[in-house]
N, C-alpha and C. Protein backbone atom coordinates (compact mmCIF):
# COMPACT_ATOMS: atom_id res chain seq x y z
N MET A 1 6.72 -31.17 22.20
CA MET A 1 7.22 -30.58 21.08
C MET A 1 6.44 -29.11 20.76
N THR A 2 7.35 -27.98 20.77
CA THR A 2 6.70 -26.71 20.30
C THR A 2 7.19 -26.14 19.03
N ASP A 3 6.64 -25.19 18.86
CA ASP A 3 6.87 -24.51 17.90
C ASP A 3 6.76 -23.03 17.55
N THR A 4 7.91 -22.36 16.81
CA THR A 4 7.72 -21.03 16.59
C THR A 4 7.48 -20.62 15.44
N ALA A 5 6.55 -19.52 15.09
CA ALA A 5 6.48 -18.86 14.17
C ALA A 5 7.73 -17.82 13.80
N THR A 6 7.69 -17.67 11.92
CA THR A 6 8.53 -16.82 11.72
C THR A 6 8.09 -15.26 12.16
N ALA A 7 8.90 -14.14 11.64
CA ALA A 7 8.71 -13.37 12.42
C ALA A 7 7.54 -12.43 11.51
N ARG A 8 7.90 -12.73 10.19
CA ARG A 8 6.62 -12.86 8.78
C ARG A 8 5.34 -13.06 9.09
N SER A 9 5.62 -14.76 9.73
CA SER A 9 4.46 -14.79 9.81
C SER A 9 3.61 -14.54 11.04
N ALA A 10 4.87 -14.45 12.10
CA ALA A 10 3.75 -13.69 13.26
C ALA A 10 2.94 -12.18 12.99
N TRP A 11 3.46 -11.53 12.19
CA TRP A 11 3.23 -10.33 11.85
C TRP A 11 1.91 -10.27 11.05
N VAL A 12 1.76 -11.49 9.98
CA VAL A 12 0.80 -11.67 8.71
C VAL A 12 -0.49 -12.35 9.83
N LEU A 13 -0.61 -12.82 11.15
CA LEU A 13 -1.44 -13.63 12.02
C LEU A 13 -2.01 -12.11 12.25
N LEU A 14 -1.32 -11.39 12.94
CA LEU A 14 -1.66 -10.49 13.73
C LEU A 14 -2.13 -9.33 13.62
N ILE A 15 -1.60 -8.80 12.00
CA ILE A 15 -2.23 -7.76 11.20
C ILE A 15 -3.70 -8.55 10.56
N GLY A 16 -3.07 -9.56 10.08
CA GLY A 16 -4.49 -10.14 8.73
C GLY A 16 -5.82 -10.37 10.41
N GLY A 17 -5.31 -10.73 11.53
CA GLY A 17 -6.32 -10.91 12.44
C GLY A 17 -6.99 -9.72 13.09
N LEU A 18 -5.95 -8.93 12.82
CA LEU A 18 -6.77 -7.37 13.17
C LEU A 18 -7.83 -7.04 12.48
N ALA A 19 -7.33 -7.18 11.17
CA ALA A 19 -8.22 -6.85 9.53
C ALA A 19 -9.53 -7.40 10.11
N GLY A 20 -9.48 -8.85 10.00
CA GLY A 20 -10.57 -9.52 10.38
C GLY A 20 -11.50 -9.19 11.03
N TRP A 21 -10.82 -8.68 12.41
CA TRP A 21 -11.74 -8.37 13.41
C TRP A 21 -12.49 -7.17 13.43
N ILE A 22 -11.80 -6.29 12.93
CA ILE A 22 -12.06 -5.23 12.84
C ILE A 22 -13.75 -5.20 11.76
N ALA A 23 -13.46 -5.84 10.36
CA ALA A 23 -14.60 -5.88 9.88
C ALA A 23 -15.65 -6.49 10.43
N ALA A 24 -15.57 -7.57 10.93
CA ALA A 24 -16.14 -8.41 11.87
C ALA A 24 -17.33 -7.70 12.55
N VAL A 25 -16.50 -6.97 13.76
CA VAL A 25 -16.92 -5.89 14.44
C VAL A 25 -17.76 -5.00 13.79
N THR A 26 -17.45 -4.44 13.01
CA THR A 26 -18.07 -3.41 12.24
C THR A 26 -19.11 -3.91 11.13
N LEU A 27 -19.12 -4.78 11.05
CA LEU A 27 -20.43 -5.60 10.17
C LEU A 27 -21.62 -6.02 11.64
N THR A 28 -20.87 -5.94 12.24
CA THR A 28 -21.78 -6.45 14.04
C THR A 28 -22.90 -5.00 14.26
N ILE A 29 -21.82 -4.43 14.31
CA ILE A 29 -22.16 -3.11 14.96
C ILE A 29 -23.81 -2.63 13.65
N GLU A 30 -23.21 -2.64 12.47
CA GLU A 30 -24.08 -2.12 11.36
C GLU A 30 -25.26 -3.27 11.30
N ARG A 31 -25.13 -3.98 11.60
CA ARG A 31 -26.23 -5.02 11.56
C ARG A 31 -27.13 -5.01 12.78
N PHE A 32 -26.47 -4.50 13.98
CA PHE A 32 -27.44 -4.37 15.32
C PHE A 32 -28.28 -2.92 14.75
N LYS A 33 -27.46 -1.92 14.36
CA LYS A 33 -27.95 -0.70 13.75
C LYS A 33 -29.11 -0.77 12.79
N LEU A 34 -29.08 -1.56 11.97
CA LEU A 34 -30.60 -2.60 11.25
C LEU A 34 -31.44 -3.34 12.15
N PHE A 35 -31.00 -3.50 12.67
CA PHE A 35 -31.90 -4.51 13.99
C PHE A 35 -33.06 -3.39 14.48
N THR A 36 -32.20 -2.38 14.85
CA THR A 36 -33.10 -1.61 15.88
C THR A 36 -33.84 -0.15 14.51
N ASP A 37 -33.10 0.01 13.83
CA ASP A 37 -33.55 1.19 13.02
C ASP A 37 -33.80 0.07 11.62
N PRO A 38 -34.85 -0.22 11.23
CA PRO A 38 -35.09 -0.45 10.17
C PRO A 38 -35.13 0.70 8.99
N GLY A 39 -34.97 1.35 8.84
CA GLY A 39 -34.60 2.76 8.07
C GLY A 39 -33.11 2.70 7.51
N TYR A 40 -32.26 2.23 8.72
CA TYR A 40 -30.76 2.68 8.11
C TYR A 40 -30.39 1.91 7.47
N VAL A 41 -29.34 2.78 6.80
CA VAL A 41 -28.57 2.37 5.51
C VAL A 41 -27.31 2.10 6.33
N PRO A 42 -26.83 1.16 6.02
CA PRO A 42 -25.65 0.48 6.47
C PRO A 42 -24.50 1.52 5.49
N SER A 43 -23.28 1.64 6.33
CA SER A 43 -22.20 2.65 5.61
C SER A 43 -21.74 1.88 4.52
N CYS A 44 -21.98 0.36 4.47
CA CYS A 44 -21.27 -0.70 3.28
C CYS A 44 -22.16 -0.36 1.90
N SER A 45 -23.30 -0.11 2.17
CA SER A 45 -24.25 -0.47 1.15
C SER A 45 -24.07 1.19 0.26
N ILE A 46 -23.25 0.74 -0.67
CA ILE A 46 -22.64 1.99 -1.83
C ILE A 46 -23.28 1.90 -2.96
N ASN A 47 -23.82 0.87 -3.45
CA ASN A 47 -24.66 0.84 -5.02
C ASN A 47 -24.93 -0.93 -4.81
N PRO A 48 -25.80 -1.04 -5.89
CA PRO A 48 -26.79 -1.90 -6.24
C PRO A 48 -26.15 -3.36 -5.90
N ILE A 49 -24.82 -3.68 -6.17
CA ILE A 49 -24.09 -4.04 -6.00
C ILE A 49 -23.68 -4.64 -4.84
N LEU A 50 -22.56 -3.84 -4.66
CA LEU A 50 -21.87 -3.47 -3.06
C LEU A 50 -23.00 -2.86 -2.22
N SER A 51 -23.37 -3.68 -1.51
CA SER A 51 -24.38 -3.55 -0.60
C SER A 51 -24.68 -4.94 0.35
N CYS A 52 -23.84 -4.08 1.51
CA CYS A 52 -24.18 -5.31 2.86
C CYS A 52 -25.67 -5.26 3.42
N GLY A 53 -26.10 -3.97 3.42
CA GLY A 53 -27.49 -3.69 4.06
C GLY A 53 -28.55 -4.91 3.31
N SER A 54 -28.63 -5.06 2.08
CA SER A 54 -29.51 -6.56 1.68
C SER A 54 -28.82 -7.50 1.57
N VAL A 55 -27.18 -7.73 1.57
CA VAL A 55 -26.83 -8.90 2.70
C VAL A 55 -27.27 -9.22 3.67
N MET A 56 -27.27 -8.40 4.97
CA MET A 56 -27.56 -8.60 5.99
C MET A 56 -28.84 -9.26 6.11
N ALA A 57 -29.85 -8.81 5.80
CA ALA A 57 -31.45 -8.89 5.37
C ALA A 57 -31.83 -10.34 4.87
N THR A 58 -30.79 -11.14 4.63
CA THR A 58 -31.02 -12.52 4.23
C THR A 58 -30.91 -13.32 5.21
N ASP A 59 -31.62 -14.78 5.13
CA ASP A 59 -31.19 -15.44 5.92
C ASP A 59 -29.71 -16.19 6.16
N GLN A 60 -29.29 -16.30 5.29
CA GLN A 60 -27.44 -16.43 4.79
C GLN A 60 -26.57 -15.67 6.00
N ALA A 61 -26.90 -14.45 6.50
CA ALA A 61 -26.20 -13.28 6.86
C ALA A 61 -26.52 -13.93 8.52
N ALA A 62 -27.55 -15.24 8.79
CA ALA A 62 -27.59 -15.46 9.87
C ALA A 62 -27.54 -17.30 9.94
N LEU A 63 -26.72 -17.67 9.59
CA LEU A 63 -26.61 -19.13 9.29
C LEU A 63 -27.08 -20.10 10.38
N PHE A 64 -26.58 -19.84 11.80
CA PHE A 64 -26.23 -20.52 13.24
C PHE A 64 -27.80 -19.55 13.69
N GLY A 65 -28.18 -18.65 13.47
CA GLY A 65 -29.69 -18.12 14.02
C GLY A 65 -28.76 -16.78 14.84
N PHE A 66 -27.63 -16.21 14.85
CA PHE A 66 -27.00 -15.34 15.13
C PHE A 66 -26.52 -14.80 14.11
N PRO A 67 -26.14 -13.22 13.49
CA PRO A 67 -25.36 -12.81 12.83
C PRO A 67 -24.14 -13.17 12.73
N ASN A 68 -23.79 -13.76 11.88
CA ASN A 68 -22.04 -14.52 11.10
C ASN A 68 -21.53 -13.84 11.82
N PRO A 69 -20.88 -12.58 11.80
CA PRO A 69 -20.05 -11.56 12.33
C PRO A 69 -19.47 -11.96 13.26
N ILE A 70 -20.48 -12.61 13.89
CA ILE A 70 -20.29 -12.93 15.56
C ILE A 70 -19.46 -14.34 15.62
N ILE A 71 -19.25 -15.06 14.85
CA ILE A 71 -18.42 -16.07 14.35
C ILE A 71 -16.87 -15.51 14.21
N GLY A 72 -16.81 -14.43 13.47
CA GLY A 72 -15.74 -13.86 12.90
C GLY A 72 -15.38 -13.18 14.26
N ILE A 73 -16.11 -12.33 14.97
CA ILE A 73 -15.14 -11.41 15.98
C ILE A 73 -14.76 -12.52 17.19
N VAL A 74 -15.15 -13.91 17.74
CA VAL A 74 -14.75 -14.59 17.95
C VAL A 74 -13.55 -15.41 17.04
N GLY A 75 -13.47 -16.00 16.39
CA GLY A 75 -11.86 -16.41 15.36
C GLY A 75 -11.34 -15.58 15.19
N PHE A 76 -11.67 -14.61 14.69
CA PHE A 76 -10.22 -13.59 14.66
C PHE A 76 -9.72 -13.05 15.91
N SER A 77 -10.70 -13.20 17.22
CA SER A 77 -9.84 -12.94 18.71
C SER A 77 -8.96 -13.54 18.68
N VAL A 78 -9.09 -15.16 18.23
CA VAL A 78 -8.08 -15.75 18.68
C VAL A 78 -7.34 -15.68 17.55
N VAL A 79 -7.31 -15.41 16.74
CA VAL A 79 -5.96 -15.21 15.46
C VAL A 79 -5.53 -14.13 16.16
N VAL A 80 -5.42 -13.27 16.72
CA VAL A 80 -5.19 -11.79 16.90
C VAL A 80 -4.32 -11.78 18.20
N THR A 81 -4.69 -13.13 19.57
CA THR A 81 -4.40 -13.34 20.66
C THR A 81 -3.44 -13.96 20.59
N LEU A 82 -3.63 -14.70 19.54
CA LEU A 82 -2.27 -15.94 18.49
C LEU A 82 -0.85 -15.35 18.45
N GLY A 83 -1.78 -14.50 17.22
CA GLY A 83 -1.00 -13.47 16.58
C GLY A 83 0.17 -12.62 17.57
N VAL A 84 -0.65 -11.79 18.46
CA VAL A 84 0.05 -10.95 19.48
C VAL A 84 1.41 -12.25 20.06
N LEU A 85 0.83 -13.01 20.75
CA LEU A 85 1.80 -14.28 21.31
C LEU A 85 3.04 -14.44 20.25
N THR A 86 2.85 -15.00 19.23
CA THR A 86 3.85 -15.24 18.47
C THR A 86 4.51 -13.95 17.86
N VAL A 87 4.13 -12.82 17.83
CA VAL A 87 5.24 -11.46 17.48
C VAL A 87 5.88 -11.68 19.11
N ALA A 88 5.81 -11.64 20.39
CA ALA A 88 6.33 -11.45 21.32
C ALA A 88 7.43 -12.78 21.50
N GLY A 89 7.34 -13.86 20.44
CA GLY A 89 8.37 -14.62 20.71
C GLY A 89 7.28 -16.48 21.50
N VAL A 90 6.48 -16.25 21.74
CA VAL A 90 5.71 -17.40 22.48
C VAL A 90 5.80 -18.52 21.57
N ARG A 91 6.34 -19.50 22.34
CA ARG A 91 6.34 -20.72 21.64
C ARG A 91 5.17 -22.14 21.70
N PHE A 92 4.61 -22.38 21.07
CA PHE A 92 3.12 -23.25 21.10
C PHE A 92 2.95 -24.76 20.69
N PRO A 93 2.89 -25.39 20.92
CA PRO A 93 2.76 -27.25 21.35
C PRO A 93 1.90 -26.71 19.51
N ARG A 94 2.44 -27.80 19.11
CA ARG A 94 1.93 -28.31 17.56
C ARG A 94 0.27 -28.24 17.79
N TRP A 95 -0.12 -28.84 18.38
CA TRP A 95 -2.05 -28.82 18.56
C TRP A 95 -2.72 -27.76 18.81
N ILE A 96 -1.86 -26.59 19.12
CA ILE A 96 -2.47 -25.32 19.27
C ILE A 96 -2.48 -25.10 17.50
N TRP A 97 -1.24 -25.01 16.70
CA TRP A 97 -1.18 -24.32 15.32
C TRP A 97 -2.34 -25.72 14.64
N GLY A 98 -1.91 -26.73 14.92
CA GLY A 98 -3.40 -28.19 14.16
C GLY A 98 -4.52 -26.99 14.31
N GLY A 99 -5.16 -26.77 16.24
CA GLY A 99 -5.99 -26.22 15.99
C GLY A 99 -6.65 -24.86 15.74
N LEU A 100 -5.55 -24.20 15.09
CA LEU A 100 -5.71 -22.99 14.62
C LEU A 100 -5.97 -23.54 12.89
N TRP A 101 -5.28 -24.15 12.46
CA TRP A 101 -5.62 -24.48 10.93
C TRP A 101 -6.87 -25.44 10.78
N LEU A 102 -7.43 -26.06 11.66
CA LEU A 102 -8.40 -26.36 11.61
C LEU A 102 -9.69 -25.87 11.65
N GLY A 103 -9.92 -24.66 12.60
CA GLY A 103 -10.61 -23.26 12.41
C GLY A 103 -10.06 -22.53 11.49
N THR A 104 -9.14 -22.04 10.63
CA THR A 104 -9.10 -21.12 9.57
C THR A 104 -9.37 -22.12 8.08
N ALA A 105 -9.15 -23.53 8.09
CA ALA A 105 -9.60 -24.17 7.46
C ALA A 105 -11.29 -24.36 7.00
N LEU A 106 -12.15 -24.21 8.15
CA LEU A 106 -13.08 -24.45 7.98
C LEU A 106 -13.82 -23.10 7.85
N GLY A 107 -13.20 -22.08 8.16
CA GLY A 107 -13.42 -20.62 7.73
C GLY A 107 -13.61 -20.38 6.16
N VAL A 108 -12.69 -21.14 5.68
CA VAL A 108 -12.31 -21.02 4.11
C VAL A 108 -13.44 -21.72 3.39
N VAL A 109 -13.69 -22.52 4.18
CA VAL A 109 -14.94 -23.58 3.76
C VAL A 109 -16.42 -22.59 3.84
N PHE A 110 -16.51 -22.13 5.03
CA PHE A 110 -17.65 -21.41 4.98
C PHE A 110 -17.67 -19.85 4.41
N ILE A 111 -16.48 -19.31 4.41
CA ILE A 111 -16.22 -18.01 3.17
C ILE A 111 -16.60 -18.73 1.75
N GLY A 112 -16.43 -19.81 1.01
CA GLY A 112 -16.51 -20.46 -0.17
C GLY A 112 -18.31 -20.28 -0.36
N TRP A 113 -18.48 -20.77 0.81
CA TRP A 113 -19.80 -20.68 0.87
C TRP A 113 -20.91 -19.32 0.79
N LEU A 114 -20.40 -18.68 1.77
CA LEU A 114 -20.83 -17.32 1.49
C LEU A 114 -20.81 -16.71 0.18
N ILE A 115 -19.65 -16.70 -0.71
CA ILE A 115 -19.14 -16.09 -1.61
C ILE A 115 -20.48 -16.87 -2.67
N PHE A 116 -20.80 -18.16 -2.94
CA PHE A 116 -21.63 -18.67 -3.77
C PHE A 116 -22.81 -18.39 -3.49
N GLN A 117 -23.34 -17.45 -2.16
CA GLN A 117 -24.45 -17.18 -1.88
C GLN A 117 -24.41 -15.77 -1.78
N SER A 118 -23.80 -15.09 -2.02
CA SER A 118 -23.69 -13.49 -2.30
C SER A 118 -23.89 -13.57 -3.66
N LEU A 119 -22.69 -14.22 -4.44
CA LEU A 119 -23.26 -14.16 -6.15
C LEU A 119 -24.19 -14.68 -6.85
N TYR A 120 -24.88 -15.98 -6.23
CA TYR A 120 -25.95 -16.40 -7.14
C TYR A 120 -27.19 -16.63 -6.68
N ARG A 121 -27.33 -16.25 -4.88
CA ARG A 121 -28.66 -16.53 -4.47
C ARG A 121 -28.82 -15.18 -3.73
N ILE A 122 -28.14 -13.85 -2.94
CA ILE A 122 -28.57 -12.71 -3.01
C ILE A 122 -28.20 -11.67 -3.64
N ASN A 123 -27.14 -11.76 -4.71
CA ASN A 123 -27.10 -11.14 -6.03
C ASN A 123 -26.41 -9.59 -5.68
N ALA A 124 -25.76 -9.45 -4.69
CA ALA A 124 -24.99 -8.80 -4.00
C ALA A 124 -23.86 -8.98 -3.29
N LEU A 125 -22.90 -8.00 -2.74
CA LEU A 125 -21.49 -7.64 -1.93
C LEU A 125 -21.31 -7.10 -1.11
N CYS A 126 -21.07 -7.46 0.12
CA CYS A 126 -20.52 -7.02 1.31
C CYS A 126 -19.18 -6.36 1.56
N PRO A 127 -18.84 -5.21 1.41
CA PRO A 127 -17.59 -4.97 0.93
C PRO A 127 -16.75 -5.37 2.40
N TYR A 128 -17.43 -5.09 3.63
CA TYR A 128 -16.66 -5.87 4.46
C TYR A 128 -16.63 -7.65 4.63
N CYS A 129 -17.32 -8.05 4.18
CA CYS A 129 -17.18 -9.57 4.30
C CYS A 129 -15.88 -9.55 3.10
N ILE A 130 -15.90 -8.69 2.22
CA ILE A 130 -14.81 -9.12 1.06
C ILE A 130 -13.39 -8.90 1.42
N VAL A 131 -13.23 -8.23 2.76
CA VAL A 131 -12.33 -7.99 3.39
C VAL A 131 -12.10 -9.30 3.80
N VAL A 132 -12.85 -10.43 4.90
CA VAL A 132 -12.89 -11.09 5.55
C VAL A 132 -12.71 -12.38 4.52
N TRP A 133 -13.00 -12.37 3.15
CA TRP A 133 -12.90 -13.19 2.30
C TRP A 133 -11.42 -12.91 2.04
N ALA A 134 -10.51 -11.92 1.77
CA ALA A 134 -9.74 -11.80 2.14
C ALA A 134 -8.46 -11.96 2.33
N ILE A 135 -8.73 -11.91 3.38
CA ILE A 135 -7.78 -12.34 4.36
C ILE A 135 -7.84 -14.08 4.96
N ILE A 136 -8.72 -14.40 4.98
CA ILE A 136 -8.69 -16.00 5.38
C ILE A 136 -8.06 -16.83 4.28
N THR A 137 -7.60 -16.80 3.35
CA THR A 137 -6.80 -17.28 2.91
C THR A 137 -5.31 -17.77 2.78
N PRO A 138 -4.96 -16.27 3.18
CA PRO A 138 -3.08 -16.01 3.40
C PRO A 138 -3.09 -16.74 5.10
N LEU A 139 -4.19 -16.30 6.00
CA LEU A 139 -3.84 -17.01 7.45
C LEU A 139 -3.92 -18.09 7.12
N LEU A 140 -4.69 -19.06 6.80
CA LEU A 140 -4.61 -20.57 6.30
C LEU A 140 -3.57 -20.89 5.61
N ALA A 141 -2.44 -20.12 4.64
CA ALA A 141 -1.36 -20.11 4.07
C ALA A 141 -0.34 -20.42 4.93
N VAL A 142 -0.27 -19.46 5.97
CA VAL A 142 0.89 -19.20 7.15
C VAL A 142 0.82 -20.16 7.94
N VAL A 143 -0.76 -20.47 8.60
CA VAL A 143 -0.76 -21.39 9.25
C VAL A 143 0.10 -23.18 9.06
N THR A 144 -0.40 -22.69 7.57
CA THR A 144 -0.19 -24.62 6.76
C THR A 144 1.21 -24.21 6.84
N ASP A 145 2.11 -23.37 6.46
CA ASP A 145 3.38 -23.09 6.58
C ASP A 145 4.09 -23.62 7.70
N GLN A 146 3.13 -23.17 8.85
CA GLN A 146 3.47 -23.10 10.32
C GLN A 146 3.70 -24.64 10.26
N LEU A 147 2.60 -25.60 10.38
CA LEU A 147 2.64 -27.24 10.48
C LEU A 147 3.24 -28.01 9.22
N TRP A 148 3.30 -27.68 8.40
CA TRP A 148 3.98 -28.50 7.14
C TRP A 148 5.00 -28.10 6.61
N GLY A 149 5.62 -26.72 7.00
CA GLY A 149 6.59 -26.22 5.82
C GLY A 149 8.08 -27.09 5.72
N ARG A 150 8.20 -27.77 6.93
CA ARG A 150 9.29 -28.70 6.75
C ARG A 150 9.31 -30.40 6.50
N SER A 151 7.70 -30.31 6.44
CA SER A 151 7.59 -31.90 6.23
C SER A 151 8.06 -32.27 4.92
N ARG A 152 7.87 -33.44 4.61
CA ARG A 152 7.93 -34.44 3.23
C ARG A 152 6.51 -34.79 3.02
N GLY A 153 6.65 -35.39 1.61
CA GLY A 153 5.34 -36.12 0.74
C GLY A 153 4.32 -34.96 0.86
N PRO A 154 2.93 -35.21 0.88
CA PRO A 154 1.81 -34.32 0.31
C PRO A 154 1.69 -32.85 0.91
N LEU A 155 1.76 -33.71 2.24
CA LEU A 155 1.58 -32.30 3.31
C LEU A 155 2.99 -31.20 2.82
N GLY A 156 4.07 -31.36 3.06
CA GLY A 156 5.03 -30.31 2.29
C GLY A 156 4.91 -29.85 0.79
N VAL A 157 4.43 -30.77 0.17
CA VAL A 157 4.03 -30.36 -1.09
C VAL A 157 2.90 -29.15 -1.17
N ILE A 158 1.81 -29.21 -0.06
CA ILE A 158 0.67 -28.33 0.19
C ILE A 158 1.39 -27.34 0.78
N ALA A 159 1.96 -27.38 1.22
CA ALA A 159 2.64 -26.00 2.22
C ALA A 159 4.08 -25.08 1.41
N GLU A 160 4.26 -25.82 0.71
CA GLU A 160 5.18 -25.03 -0.65
C GLU A 160 4.53 -24.51 -1.55
N TRP A 161 3.63 -24.91 -1.81
CA TRP A 161 2.26 -24.61 -2.87
C TRP A 161 1.16 -23.70 -2.45
N ARG A 162 1.32 -23.38 -0.99
CA ARG A 162 0.33 -22.73 -0.42
C ARG A 162 0.11 -21.19 -1.02
N TRP A 163 0.86 -20.11 -1.32
CA TRP A 163 0.79 -18.89 -1.87
C TRP A 163 0.52 -18.95 -3.31
N THR A 164 0.53 -20.44 -4.19
CA THR A 164 0.27 -20.46 -5.09
C THR A 164 -1.51 -20.51 -5.24
N PHE A 165 -1.97 -21.31 -3.79
CA PHE A 165 -3.17 -21.00 -3.69
C PHE A 165 -4.00 -20.32 -3.87
N VAL A 166 -3.17 -19.54 -2.58
CA VAL A 166 -3.86 -18.45 -2.40
C VAL A 166 -4.06 -17.30 -3.32
N ALA A 167 -3.46 -17.24 -4.63
CA ALA A 167 -3.72 -16.66 -5.85
C ALA A 167 -4.41 -17.17 -6.57
N VAL A 168 -4.34 -18.54 -6.72
CA VAL A 168 -5.43 -19.32 -7.50
C VAL A 168 -7.28 -18.78 -6.87
N PHE A 169 -7.03 -18.88 -5.69
CA PHE A 169 -8.30 -18.47 -4.73
C PHE A 169 -8.58 -16.82 -5.41
N TYR A 170 -7.93 -16.17 -4.78
CA TYR A 170 -8.14 -14.64 -5.48
C TYR A 170 -8.58 -14.64 -6.94
N ALA A 171 -8.14 -14.95 -7.59
CA ALA A 171 -8.00 -15.31 -9.32
C ALA A 171 -9.44 -15.64 -9.59
N VAL A 172 -9.74 -16.93 -9.42
CA VAL A 172 -11.08 -17.28 -9.36
C VAL A 172 -12.43 -16.62 -8.30
N VAL A 173 -12.19 -16.07 -7.70
CA VAL A 173 -12.94 -15.42 -6.79
C VAL A 173 -13.73 -13.91 -7.52
N LEU A 174 -11.93 -13.00 -8.11
CA LEU A 174 -12.53 -11.75 -8.64
C LEU A 174 -12.87 -12.35 -10.13
N LEU A 175 -12.75 -13.11 -10.86
CA LEU A 175 -13.05 -13.55 -12.08
C LEU A 175 -14.99 -14.08 -11.85
N LEU A 176 -14.97 -14.84 -10.55
CA LEU A 176 -16.60 -14.82 -10.89
C LEU A 176 -17.11 -13.43 -10.51
N VAL A 177 -17.01 -12.97 -9.93
CA VAL A 177 -17.33 -11.39 -9.17
C VAL A 177 -17.44 -10.92 -10.66
N PHE A 178 -16.62 -10.62 -11.03
CA PHE A 178 -16.55 -10.09 -12.83
C PHE A 178 -17.84 -10.65 -13.60
N LEU A 179 -17.93 -11.87 -13.35
CA LEU A 179 -18.55 -12.62 -14.57
C LEU A 179 -20.16 -12.10 -13.82
N ARG A 180 -20.70 -12.45 -12.55
CA ARG A 180 -21.47 -12.40 -12.29
C ARG A 180 -22.35 -11.45 -12.33
N PHE A 181 -21.54 -9.72 -12.34
CA PHE A 181 -21.58 -9.05 -12.17
C PHE A 181 -21.09 -8.03 -13.57
N GLN A 182 -20.97 -8.66 -14.44
CA GLN A 182 -20.67 -7.74 -16.05
C GLN A 182 -21.12 -6.85 -16.14
N ASP A 183 -22.50 -7.49 -15.96
CA ASP A 183 -23.01 -5.71 -17.39
C ASP A 183 -23.44 -4.93 -16.19
N TYR A 184 -23.09 -4.84 -14.96
CA TYR A 184 -23.19 -3.66 -13.86
C TYR A 184 -21.60 -3.13 -14.04
N TRP A 185 -21.03 -3.38 -14.48
CA TRP A 185 -19.41 -3.05 -14.16
C TRP A 185 -19.21 -2.60 -15.39
N LEU A 186 -19.37 -3.20 -16.57
CA LEU A 186 -19.26 -2.69 -17.88
C LEU A 186 -19.78 -1.04 -18.22
N SER A 187 -20.78 -1.19 -17.36
CA SER A 187 -21.89 -0.33 -17.76
C SER A 187 -21.11 1.18 -16.97
N LEU A 188 -20.16 0.64 -16.30
CA LEU A 188 -19.73 2.26 -15.37
C LEU A 188 -18.56 2.85 -16.15
N VAL A 189 -18.21 2.20 -17.10
CA VAL A 189 -17.15 2.47 -18.14
C VAL A 189 -17.38 3.81 -18.90
């Protein structure tokens, strides 16, 4: 059995994958510049809160012993490849979509951990990381619909409510970011 994605889903995969890949590549380049020149100030270090330089210097930024954005380069390369092929009308077996769903779901879990670390341990936000945070949940929603959009039962309900889950994720993250750094944000007004 093979499944074809809708044109909208295919384009979301392609554009979301490209945006995530570009953010991951940019972060990797910035990280290597920081490795070679300790005095380098990354382009995404804007102020005390939006400062990827301070995020990159932490253990959390290389959880598996290498810079986390390398995981993004690999993962988003897969998404871009599948997005290009899907836009071209290629049909994939269901297990391909299942693998993409699993990888994206693990990405959401990893992003959730990174959000917690950024807010409550590192005390800074990385703008390029925020791009990845914003992209991963819509990608999961698209792949969830591809897998279970025509299902009945709990999986069908999850697929039906997928965009609500994305909106709730965004709202919770924005609220947490505001609450964590509210003194700084309110000082700007």
